Amino acid sequence: MESRSINAIIQSLNQHQVRYLIVGGLAVVAHGHIRFTADVDLVLAIDTPNLASAIGAIKSLGYIPRVPVAIEEFQNAESRRRWATEKQMKVFSLFSDVHPKTTIDLFLEPPFDFDGAFSRAIEIEVAPGIPARFCGFDDLIELKRQAGRPLDLDDIEKLRRLREASQ
């Protein structure tokens, strides 16, 4: 993963006025636990205008789906449902030849009430003049708890210790 790519992704999302939340490893880092992550995990507001804006932002950076479908297909609720049920997909993965070390994973559906989580999100500049919206602490902990993988459980433990130490 490259910081120039993260900055470009966030800047493009912001310029296209996309309602998004960064979750996953980058959110863990934003909350203070420094660890490696290989992708940018995004939860999007799932309304049609926002998805169209997100697709425009992502396409402008050369990102295309890993699966053989048009990126615009992500806007179709029935396609996302089908991918989730038939393929057991949770995220729609994208890559770019322009940003080969930084993939994007879009959650097929928000794993929480998006509007509530958006209102609780934190905003942090990832570079001067490039603010990013990260999932709030409690929402991130719950998302990690739901995933339940060893890495997620370790993230929860580390984040809780950091929070306790800062209080």
N, C-alpha and C. Protein backbone atom coordinates (compact mmCIF):
# COMPACT_ATOMS: atom_id res chain seq x y z
N MET A 1 0.84 -1.16 0.00
CA MET A 1 0.00 0.00 0.00
C MET A 1 0.89 1.23 0.00
N GLU A 2 0.49 2.25 -0.74
CA GLU A 2 1.27 3.47 -0.84
C GLU A 2 0.44 4.67 -0.38
N SER A 3 1.08 5.55 0.37
CA SER A 3 0.35 6.72 0.88
C SER A 3 -0.13 7.62 -0.25
N ARG A 4 0.63 7.71 -1.34
CA ARG A 4 0.17 8.54 -2.46
C ARG A 4 -1.16 8.02 -3.02
N SER A 5 -1.33 6.70 -3.02
CA SER A 5 -2.56 6.10 -3.52
C SER A 5 -3.72 6.33 -2.54
N ILE A 6 -3.45 6.18 -1.25
CA ILE A 6 -4.48 6.45 -0.25
C ILE A 6 -4.94 7.90 -0.37
N ASN A 7 -3.98 8.80 -0.47
CA ASN A 7 -4.32 10.22 -0.61
C ASN A 7 -5.15 10.47 -1.86
N ALA A 8 -4.78 9.85 -2.96
CA ALA A 8 -5.51 10.03 -4.22
C ALA A 8 -6.93 9.50 -4.10
N ILE A 9 -7.10 8.35 -3.48
CA ILE A 9 -8.44 7.76 -3.31
C ILE A 9 -9.32 8.68 -2.49
N ILE A 10 -8.80 9.12 -1.35
CA ILE A 10 -9.60 9.97 -0.46
C ILE A 10 -9.90 11.31 -1.11
N GLN A 11 -8.90 11.88 -1.75
CA GLN A 11 -9.10 13.17 -2.43
C GLN A 11 -10.18 13.04 -3.52
N SER A 12 -10.15 11.96 -4.28
CA SER A 12 -11.14 11.76 -5.33
C SER A 12 -12.54 11.56 -4.73
N LEU A 13 -12.63 10.76 -3.67
CA LEU A 13 -13.93 10.57 -3.00
C LEU A 13 -14.47 11.91 -2.50
N ASN A 14 -13.61 12.70 -1.89
CA ASN A 14 -14.03 14.01 -1.37
C ASN A 14 -14.46 14.94 -2.50
N GLN A 15 -13.69 14.98 -3.58
CA GLN A 15 -14.02 15.86 -4.70
C GLN A 15 -15.35 15.47 -5.35
N HIS A 16 -15.65 14.18 -5.34
CA HIS A 16 -16.92 13.71 -5.90
C HIS A 16 -18.04 13.72 -4.86
N GLN A 17 -17.77 14.27 -3.68
CA GLN A 17 -18.74 14.41 -2.59
C GLN A 17 -19.40 13.08 -2.21
N VAL A 18 -18.58 12.05 -2.13
CA VAL A 18 -19.05 10.71 -1.77
C VAL A 18 -19.19 10.63 -0.26
N ARG A 19 -20.28 10.03 0.19
CA ARG A 19 -20.45 9.73 1.61
C ARG A 19 -19.87 8.34 1.84
N TYR A 20 -18.73 8.29 2.53
CA TYR A 20 -18.00 7.05 2.74
C TYR A 20 -17.47 7.01 4.16
N LEU A 21 -17.14 5.81 4.59
CA LEU A 21 -16.42 5.60 5.84
C LEU A 21 -15.28 4.63 5.57
N ILE A 22 -14.11 4.96 6.07
CA ILE A 22 -12.98 4.05 5.99
C ILE A 22 -13.07 3.13 7.20
N VAL A 23 -13.03 1.83 6.94
CA VAL A 23 -13.08 0.82 8.00
C VAL A 23 -11.83 -0.06 7.85
N GLY A 24 -11.79 -1.18 8.53
CA GLY A 24 -10.68 -2.11 8.37
C GLY A 24 -9.39 -1.59 8.95
N GLY A 25 -8.29 -2.05 8.37
CA GLY A 25 -6.96 -1.76 8.89
C GLY A 25 -6.62 -0.28 8.96
N LEU A 26 -7.02 0.50 7.95
CA LEU A 26 -6.73 1.93 7.99
C LEU A 26 -7.46 2.61 9.14
N ALA A 27 -8.67 2.17 9.43
CA ALA A 27 -9.40 2.74 10.57
C ALA A 27 -8.73 2.35 11.88
N VAL A 28 -8.23 1.13 11.95
CA VAL A 28 -7.50 0.69 13.15
C VAL A 28 -6.29 1.61 13.36
N VAL A 29 -5.56 1.89 12.29
CA VAL A 29 -4.40 2.78 12.38
C VAL A 29 -4.85 4.18 12.79
N ALA A 30 -5.95 4.67 12.24
CA ALA A 30 -6.45 6.00 12.58
C ALA A 30 -6.79 6.11 14.06
N HIS A 31 -7.20 5.00 14.65
CA HIS A 31 -7.54 4.99 16.07
C HIS A 31 -6.34 4.68 16.97
N GLY A 32 -5.15 4.56 16.38
CA GLY A 32 -3.95 4.52 17.18
C GLY A 32 -3.14 3.24 17.20
N HIS A 33 -3.67 2.14 16.68
CA HIS A 33 -2.90 0.88 16.66
C HIS A 33 -2.24 0.75 15.30
N ILE A 34 -0.95 0.94 15.25
CA ILE A 34 -0.21 0.90 13.99
C ILE A 34 0.04 -0.55 13.60
N ARG A 35 -0.46 -0.91 12.44
CA ARG A 35 -0.22 -2.25 11.90
C ARG A 35 -0.33 -2.19 10.40
N PHE A 36 0.15 -3.24 9.74
CA PHE A 36 0.11 -3.32 8.28
C PHE A 36 -1.32 -3.59 7.81
N THR A 37 -1.66 -3.00 6.70
CA THR A 37 -2.90 -3.33 6.01
C THR A 37 -2.62 -3.25 4.51
N ALA A 38 -3.32 -4.06 3.75
CA ALA A 38 -3.01 -4.17 2.33
C ALA A 38 -4.03 -3.48 1.42
N ASP A 39 -5.13 -2.99 2.00
CA ASP A 39 -6.16 -2.42 1.15
C ASP A 39 -6.89 -1.29 1.86
N VAL A 40 -7.69 -0.57 1.09
CA VAL A 40 -8.55 0.47 1.61
C VAL A 40 -9.96 -0.11 1.65
N ASP A 41 -10.47 -0.34 2.86
CA ASP A 41 -11.81 -0.88 3.05
C ASP A 41 -12.78 0.27 3.21
N LEU A 42 -13.81 0.32 2.35
CA LEU A 42 -14.77 1.42 2.36
C LEU A 42 -16.20 0.90 2.51
N VAL A 43 -16.95 1.61 3.33
CA VAL A 43 -18.39 1.43 3.41
C VAL A 43 -18.99 2.69 2.81
N LEU A 44 -19.91 2.51 1.88
CA LEU A 44 -20.52 3.65 1.19
C LEU A 44 -21.99 3.77 1.58
N ALA A 45 -22.48 5.01 1.61
CA ALA A 45 -23.93 5.20 1.67
C ALA A 45 -24.47 4.58 0.39
N ILE A 46 -25.48 3.76 0.49
CA ILE A 46 -25.87 2.88 -0.59
C ILE A 46 -26.93 3.48 -1.53
N ASP A 47 -27.23 4.77 -1.37
CA ASP A 47 -28.21 5.39 -2.27
C ASP A 47 -27.60 5.56 -3.66
N THR A 48 -28.45 5.56 -4.68
CA THR A 48 -28.01 5.56 -6.07
C THR A 48 -27.11 6.76 -6.41
N PRO A 49 -27.47 7.99 -6.04
CA PRO A 49 -26.58 9.11 -6.39
C PRO A 49 -25.20 8.98 -5.75
N ASN A 50 -25.14 8.52 -4.51
CA ASN A 50 -23.85 8.37 -3.84
C ASN A 50 -23.02 7.28 -4.51
N LEU A 51 -23.66 6.17 -4.86
CA LEU A 51 -22.92 5.09 -5.53
C LEU A 51 -22.40 5.55 -6.89
N ALA A 52 -23.21 6.33 -7.61
CA ALA A 52 -22.75 6.85 -8.91
C ALA A 52 -21.53 7.76 -8.72
N SER A 53 -21.57 8.60 -7.69
CA SER A 53 -20.43 9.48 -7.40
C SER A 53 -19.20 8.67 -7.02
N ALA A 54 -19.41 7.63 -6.21
CA ALA A 54 -18.29 6.78 -5.79
C ALA A 54 -17.66 6.09 -6.99
N ILE A 55 -18.49 5.56 -7.87
CA ILE A 55 -17.98 4.89 -9.07
C ILE A 55 -17.17 5.87 -9.91
N GLY A 56 -17.67 7.09 -10.07
CA GLY A 56 -16.93 8.10 -10.81
C GLY A 56 -15.59 8.41 -10.18
N ALA A 57 -15.57 8.53 -8.86
CA ALA A 57 -14.33 8.82 -8.14
C ALA A 57 -13.31 7.70 -8.32
N ILE A 58 -13.78 6.49 -8.19
CA ILE A 58 -12.91 5.32 -8.26
C ILE A 58 -12.39 5.10 -9.69
N LYS A 59 -13.30 5.23 -10.65
CA LYS A 59 -12.90 5.06 -12.05
C LYS A 59 -11.87 6.09 -12.48
N SER A 60 -11.98 7.31 -11.94
CA SER A 60 -11.05 8.37 -12.33
C SER A 60 -9.61 8.04 -11.95
N LEU A 61 -9.44 7.06 -11.05
CA LEU A 61 -8.10 6.64 -10.61
C LEU A 61 -7.66 5.35 -11.29
N GLY A 62 -8.46 4.89 -12.26
CA GLY A 62 -8.08 3.70 -13.00
C GLY A 62 -8.46 2.39 -12.34
N TYR A 63 -9.29 2.42 -11.32
CA TYR A 63 -9.68 1.18 -10.63
C TYR A 63 -10.74 0.43 -11.43
N ILE A 64 -10.56 -0.89 -11.46
CA ILE A 64 -11.52 -1.78 -12.10
C ILE A 64 -11.75 -2.99 -11.19
N PRO A 65 -12.87 -3.69 -11.37
CA PRO A 65 -13.16 -4.85 -10.53
C PRO A 65 -12.22 -6.02 -10.79
N ARG A 66 -11.96 -6.78 -9.74
CA ARG A 66 -11.20 -8.03 -9.87
C ARG A 66 -12.05 -9.10 -10.57
N VAL A 67 -13.34 -9.04 -10.37
CA VAL A 67 -14.25 -9.99 -11.02
C VAL A 67 -14.63 -9.44 -12.39
N PRO A 68 -14.96 -10.30 -13.33
CA PRO A 68 -15.23 -9.84 -14.70
C PRO A 68 -16.62 -9.24 -14.89
N VAL A 69 -16.84 -8.08 -14.25
CA VAL A 69 -18.08 -7.32 -14.42
C VAL A 69 -17.72 -5.85 -14.57
N ALA A 70 -18.63 -5.09 -15.13
CA ALA A 70 -18.42 -3.64 -15.22
C ALA A 70 -18.54 -3.04 -13.82
N ILE A 71 -17.72 -2.06 -13.53
CA ILE A 71 -17.75 -1.44 -12.21
C ILE A 71 -19.12 -0.84 -11.90
N GLU A 72 -19.83 -0.38 -12.93
CA GLU A 72 -21.15 0.21 -12.75
C GLU A 72 -22.16 -0.79 -12.18
N GLU A 73 -21.87 -2.07 -12.34
CA GLU A 73 -22.77 -3.11 -11.83
C GLU A 73 -22.90 -3.05 -10.30
N PHE A 74 -21.90 -2.46 -9.65
CA PHE A 74 -21.95 -2.32 -8.19
C PHE A 74 -23.14 -1.48 -7.75
N GLN A 75 -23.62 -0.60 -8.61
CA GLN A 75 -24.77 0.25 -8.28
C GLN A 75 -26.07 -0.53 -8.21
N ASN A 76 -26.10 -1.71 -8.79
CA ASN A 76 -27.32 -2.51 -8.87
C ASN A 76 -27.50 -3.34 -7.60
N ALA A 77 -28.54 -3.04 -6.84
CA ALA A 77 -28.79 -3.72 -5.56
C ALA A 77 -28.98 -5.22 -5.76
N GLU A 78 -29.65 -5.61 -6.84
CA GLU A 78 -29.87 -7.04 -7.08
C GLU A 78 -28.55 -7.76 -7.38
N SER A 79 -27.66 -7.12 -8.10
CA SER A 79 -26.34 -7.73 -8.37
C SER A 79 -25.58 -7.92 -7.06
N ARG A 80 -25.61 -6.90 -6.21
CA ARG A 80 -24.90 -7.02 -4.93
C ARG A 80 -25.51 -8.14 -4.08
N ARG A 81 -26.81 -8.28 -4.08
CA ARG A 81 -27.47 -9.37 -3.33
C ARG A 81 -27.06 -10.73 -3.90
N ARG A 82 -27.04 -10.82 -5.23
CA ARG A 82 -26.66 -12.07 -5.88
C ARG A 82 -25.22 -12.44 -5.56
N TRP A 83 -24.32 -11.48 -5.62
CA TRP A 83 -22.91 -11.75 -5.28
C TRP A 83 -22.79 -12.24 -3.85
N ALA A 84 -23.55 -11.64 -2.96
CA ALA A 84 -23.48 -12.03 -1.55
C ALA A 84 -24.02 -13.44 -1.33
N THR A 85 -25.13 -13.78 -1.98
CA THR A 85 -25.73 -15.10 -1.74
C THR A 85 -25.07 -16.19 -2.58
N GLU A 86 -24.83 -15.95 -3.84
CA GLU A 86 -24.29 -16.99 -4.72
C GLU A 86 -22.77 -17.15 -4.60
N LYS A 87 -22.08 -16.06 -4.38
CA LYS A 87 -20.61 -16.10 -4.36
C LYS A 87 -20.05 -15.93 -2.95
N GLN A 88 -20.94 -15.71 -1.97
CA GLN A 88 -20.53 -15.46 -0.58
C GLN A 88 -19.56 -14.28 -0.47
N MET A 89 -19.72 -13.32 -1.36
CA MET A 89 -18.88 -12.12 -1.31
C MET A 89 -19.38 -11.19 -0.20
N LYS A 90 -18.46 -10.52 0.45
CA LYS A 90 -18.80 -9.47 1.40
C LYS A 90 -18.34 -8.12 0.87
N VAL A 91 -17.30 -8.16 0.04
CA VAL A 91 -16.74 -6.93 -0.52
C VAL A 91 -16.54 -7.10 -2.03
N PHE A 92 -16.53 -5.97 -2.69
CA PHE A 92 -16.29 -5.86 -4.13
C PHE A 92 -14.88 -5.30 -4.26
N SER A 93 -13.96 -6.11 -4.73
CA SER A 93 -12.54 -5.74 -4.74
C SER A 93 -12.15 -5.11 -6.07
N LEU A 94 -11.36 -4.03 -5.98
CA LEU A 94 -10.94 -3.27 -7.14
C LEU A 94 -9.42 -3.10 -7.14
N PHE A 95 -8.84 -3.05 -8.33
CA PHE A 95 -7.41 -2.79 -8.45
C PHE A 95 -7.18 -1.79 -9.57
N SER A 96 -5.98 -1.21 -9.57
CA SER A 96 -5.63 -0.21 -10.56
C SER A 96 -4.18 -0.38 -10.97
N ASP A 97 -3.92 -0.33 -12.28
CA ASP A 97 -2.54 -0.35 -12.75
C ASP A 97 -1.80 0.93 -12.37
N VAL A 98 -2.54 2.01 -12.14
CA VAL A 98 -1.94 3.28 -11.73
C VAL A 98 -1.54 3.22 -10.25
N HIS A 99 -2.29 2.44 -9.48
CA HIS A 99 -2.04 2.30 -8.03
C HIS A 99 -1.93 0.80 -7.70
N PRO A 100 -0.93 0.12 -8.25
CA PRO A 100 -0.88 -1.35 -8.16
C PRO A 100 -0.68 -1.92 -6.75
N LYS A 101 -0.19 -1.12 -5.83
CA LYS A 101 0.07 -1.63 -4.47
C LYS A 101 -1.09 -1.33 -3.51
N THR A 102 -2.15 -0.70 -4.02
CA THR A 102 -3.25 -0.29 -3.15
C THR A 102 -4.57 -0.71 -3.77
N THR A 103 -5.17 -1.76 -3.20
CA THR A 103 -6.48 -2.20 -3.66
C THR A 103 -7.57 -1.53 -2.83
N ILE A 104 -8.77 -1.54 -3.37
CA ILE A 104 -9.95 -1.00 -2.69
C ILE A 104 -10.94 -2.13 -2.53
N ASP A 105 -11.50 -2.28 -1.33
CA ASP A 105 -12.60 -3.22 -1.09
C ASP A 105 -13.82 -2.42 -0.68
N LEU A 106 -14.89 -2.52 -1.47
CA LEU A 106 -16.15 -1.86 -1.17
C LEU A 106 -17.09 -2.88 -0.54
N PHE A 107 -17.59 -2.60 0.66
CA PHE A 107 -18.58 -3.49 1.26
C PHE A 107 -19.81 -3.52 0.37
N LEU A 108 -20.35 -4.72 0.12
CA LEU A 108 -21.54 -4.84 -0.72
C LEU A 108 -22.72 -4.10 -0.11
N GLU A 109 -22.85 -4.18 1.19
CA GLU A 109 -23.89 -3.48 1.94
C GLU A 109 -23.25 -2.95 3.22
N PRO A 110 -23.71 -1.82 3.72
CA PRO A 110 -23.17 -1.35 4.99
C PRO A 110 -23.41 -2.39 6.08
N PRO A 111 -22.39 -2.70 6.88
CA PRO A 111 -22.53 -3.70 7.94
C PRO A 111 -23.13 -3.10 9.21
N PHE A 112 -23.59 -1.85 9.12
CA PHE A 112 -24.20 -1.14 10.24
C PHE A 112 -25.09 -0.07 9.66
N ASP A 113 -25.85 0.60 10.53
CA ASP A 113 -26.66 1.73 10.09
C ASP A 113 -25.71 2.82 9.62
N PHE A 114 -25.67 3.05 8.31
CA PHE A 114 -24.67 3.96 7.76
C PHE A 114 -24.83 5.38 8.30
N ASP A 115 -26.05 5.90 8.31
CA ASP A 115 -26.24 7.28 8.75
C ASP A 115 -25.79 7.48 10.20
N GLY A 116 -26.11 6.52 11.05
CA GLY A 116 -25.68 6.61 12.45
C GLY A 116 -24.17 6.56 12.56
N ALA A 117 -23.56 5.60 11.86
CA ALA A 117 -22.10 5.48 11.90
C ALA A 117 -21.44 6.72 11.30
N PHE A 118 -22.02 7.27 10.25
CA PHE A 118 -21.47 8.46 9.61
C PHE A 118 -21.48 9.64 10.59
N SER A 119 -22.55 9.75 11.38
CA SER A 119 -22.64 10.84 12.35
C SER A 119 -21.64 10.68 13.49
N ARG A 120 -21.21 9.44 13.76
CA ARG A 120 -20.24 9.18 14.83
C ARG A 120 -18.80 9.09 14.33
N ALA A 121 -18.61 9.23 13.03
CA ALA A 121 -17.28 9.07 12.42
C ALA A 121 -16.32 10.15 12.89
N ILE A 122 -15.05 9.86 12.74
CA ILE A 122 -14.03 10.86 13.03
C ILE A 122 -13.40 11.30 11.71
N GLU A 123 -12.99 12.54 11.67
CA GLU A 123 -12.34 13.07 10.47
C GLU A 123 -10.90 13.38 10.82
N ILE A 124 -9.99 12.84 10.02
CA ILE A 124 -8.56 13.03 10.23
C ILE A 124 -7.93 13.36 8.88
N GLU A 125 -7.04 14.33 8.88
CA GLU A 125 -6.31 14.63 7.64
C GLU A 125 -5.26 13.55 7.41
N VAL A 126 -5.30 12.92 6.25
CA VAL A 126 -4.29 11.91 5.90
C VAL A 126 -3.07 12.57 5.25
N ALA A 127 -3.26 13.79 4.80
CA ALA A 127 -2.20 14.64 4.27
C ALA A 127 -2.74 16.06 4.38
N PRO A 128 -1.89 17.05 4.33
CA PRO A 128 -2.39 18.43 4.44
C PRO A 128 -3.49 18.71 3.42
N GLY A 129 -4.64 19.14 3.92
CA GLY A 129 -5.77 19.48 3.06
C GLY A 129 -6.57 18.29 2.55
N ILE A 130 -6.28 17.08 3.04
CA ILE A 130 -7.03 15.89 2.60
C ILE A 130 -7.65 15.21 3.81
N PRO A 131 -8.86 15.67 4.21
CA PRO A 131 -9.53 15.03 5.33
C PRO A 131 -10.19 13.72 4.90
N ALA A 132 -10.19 12.77 5.81
CA ALA A 132 -10.81 11.47 5.53
C ALA A 132 -11.77 11.13 6.67
N ARG A 133 -12.86 10.44 6.33
CA ARG A 133 -13.84 10.02 7.35
C ARG A 133 -13.59 8.55 7.69
N PHE A 134 -13.27 8.35 8.97
CA PHE A 134 -13.01 7.02 9.49
C PHE A 134 -14.15 6.59 10.40
N CYS A 135 -14.45 5.34 10.35
CA CYS A 135 -15.45 4.73 11.24
C CYS A 135 -15.07 5.08 12.69
N GLY A 136 -16.06 5.46 13.50
CA GLY A 136 -15.83 5.76 14.90
C GLY A 136 -15.40 4.53 15.69
N PHE A 137 -14.85 4.77 16.86
CA PHE A 137 -14.28 3.71 17.68
C PHE A 137 -15.28 2.59 17.96
N ASP A 138 -16.43 2.91 18.52
CA ASP A 138 -17.39 1.87 18.91
C ASP A 138 -17.92 1.09 17.70
N ASP A 139 -18.16 1.80 16.60
CA ASP A 139 -18.61 1.11 15.39
C ASP A 139 -17.53 0.20 14.83
N LEU A 140 -16.29 0.65 14.90
CA LEU A 140 -15.17 -0.17 14.43
C LEU A 140 -15.02 -1.43 15.28
N ILE A 141 -15.12 -1.26 16.60
CA ILE A 141 -15.03 -2.41 17.50
C ILE A 141 -16.14 -3.42 17.18
N GLU A 142 -17.35 -2.95 16.98
CA GLU A 142 -18.46 -3.85 16.68
C GLU A 142 -18.25 -4.54 15.33
N LEU A 143 -17.78 -3.82 14.35
CA LEU A 143 -17.50 -4.40 13.03
C LEU A 143 -16.44 -5.49 13.15
N LYS A 144 -15.39 -5.23 13.90
CA LYS A 144 -14.32 -6.21 14.12
C LYS A 144 -14.85 -7.42 14.89
N ARG A 145 -15.73 -7.17 15.87
CA ARG A 145 -16.32 -8.27 16.64
C ARG A 145 -17.15 -9.17 15.72
N GLN A 146 -17.93 -8.57 14.85
CA GLN A 146 -18.75 -9.35 13.91
C GLN A 146 -17.88 -10.20 12.99
N ALA A 147 -16.77 -9.64 12.52
CA ALA A 147 -15.88 -10.39 11.61
C ALA A 147 -15.26 -11.57 12.35
N GLY A 148 -14.81 -11.33 13.57
CA GLY A 148 -14.36 -12.41 14.45
C GLY A 148 -13.09 -13.16 14.06
N ARG A 149 -12.38 -12.70 13.06
CA ARG A 149 -11.13 -13.38 12.69
C ARG A 149 -10.07 -13.08 13.75
N PRO A 150 -9.04 -13.91 13.85
CA PRO A 150 -7.99 -13.65 14.86
C PRO A 150 -7.41 -12.24 14.77
N LEU A 151 -7.15 -11.75 13.56
CA LEU A 151 -6.61 -10.40 13.41
C LEU A 151 -7.59 -9.35 13.95
N ASP A 152 -8.88 -9.55 13.68
CA ASP A 152 -9.89 -8.61 14.16
C ASP A 152 -9.96 -8.61 15.69
N LEU A 153 -9.91 -9.78 16.28
CA LEU A 153 -9.95 -9.89 17.74
C LEU A 153 -8.71 -9.25 18.37
N ASP A 154 -7.56 -9.41 17.71
CA ASP A 154 -6.34 -8.77 18.18
C ASP A 154 -6.46 -7.25 18.08
N ASP A 155 -7.04 -6.77 16.97
CA ASP A 155 -7.26 -5.33 16.81
C ASP A 155 -8.13 -4.79 17.96
N ILE A 156 -9.19 -5.51 18.28
CA ILE A 156 -10.08 -5.07 19.36
C ILE A 156 -9.31 -4.94 20.67
N GLU A 157 -8.54 -5.96 20.99
CA GLU A 157 -7.78 -5.95 22.23
C GLU A 157 -6.81 -4.77 22.27
N LYS A 158 -6.07 -4.57 21.19
CA LYS A 158 -5.08 -3.49 21.14
C LYS A 158 -5.75 -2.12 21.21
N LEU A 159 -6.86 -1.95 20.50
CA LEU A 159 -7.56 -0.67 20.51
C LEU A 159 -8.14 -0.36 21.88
N ARG A 160 -8.70 -1.37 22.53
CA ARG A 160 -9.26 -1.15 23.87
C ARG A 160 -8.16 -0.78 24.87
N ARG A 161 -7.01 -1.43 24.77
CA ARG A 161 -5.89 -1.09 25.66
C ARG A 161 -5.43 0.35 25.43
N LEU A 162 -5.33 0.75 24.17
CA LEU A 162 -4.93 2.11 23.86
C LEU A 162 -5.92 3.12 24.42
N ARG A 163 -7.19 2.82 24.30
CA ARG A 163 -8.23 3.73 24.81
C ARG A 163 -8.13 3.81 26.33
N GLU A 164 -7.99 2.68 26.99
CA GLU A 164 -7.88 2.67 28.46
C GLU A 164 -6.65 3.45 28.92
N ALA A 165 -5.56 3.29 28.22
CA ALA A 165 -4.32 3.98 28.60
C ALA A 165 -4.43 5.50 28.42
N SER A 166 -5.27 5.94 27.50
CA SER A 166 -5.40 7.37 27.23
C SER A 166 -6.43 8.05 28.13
N GLN A 167 -7.17 7.27 28.92
CA GLN A 167 -8.20 7.87 29.76
C GLN A 167 -7.75 8.07 31.18
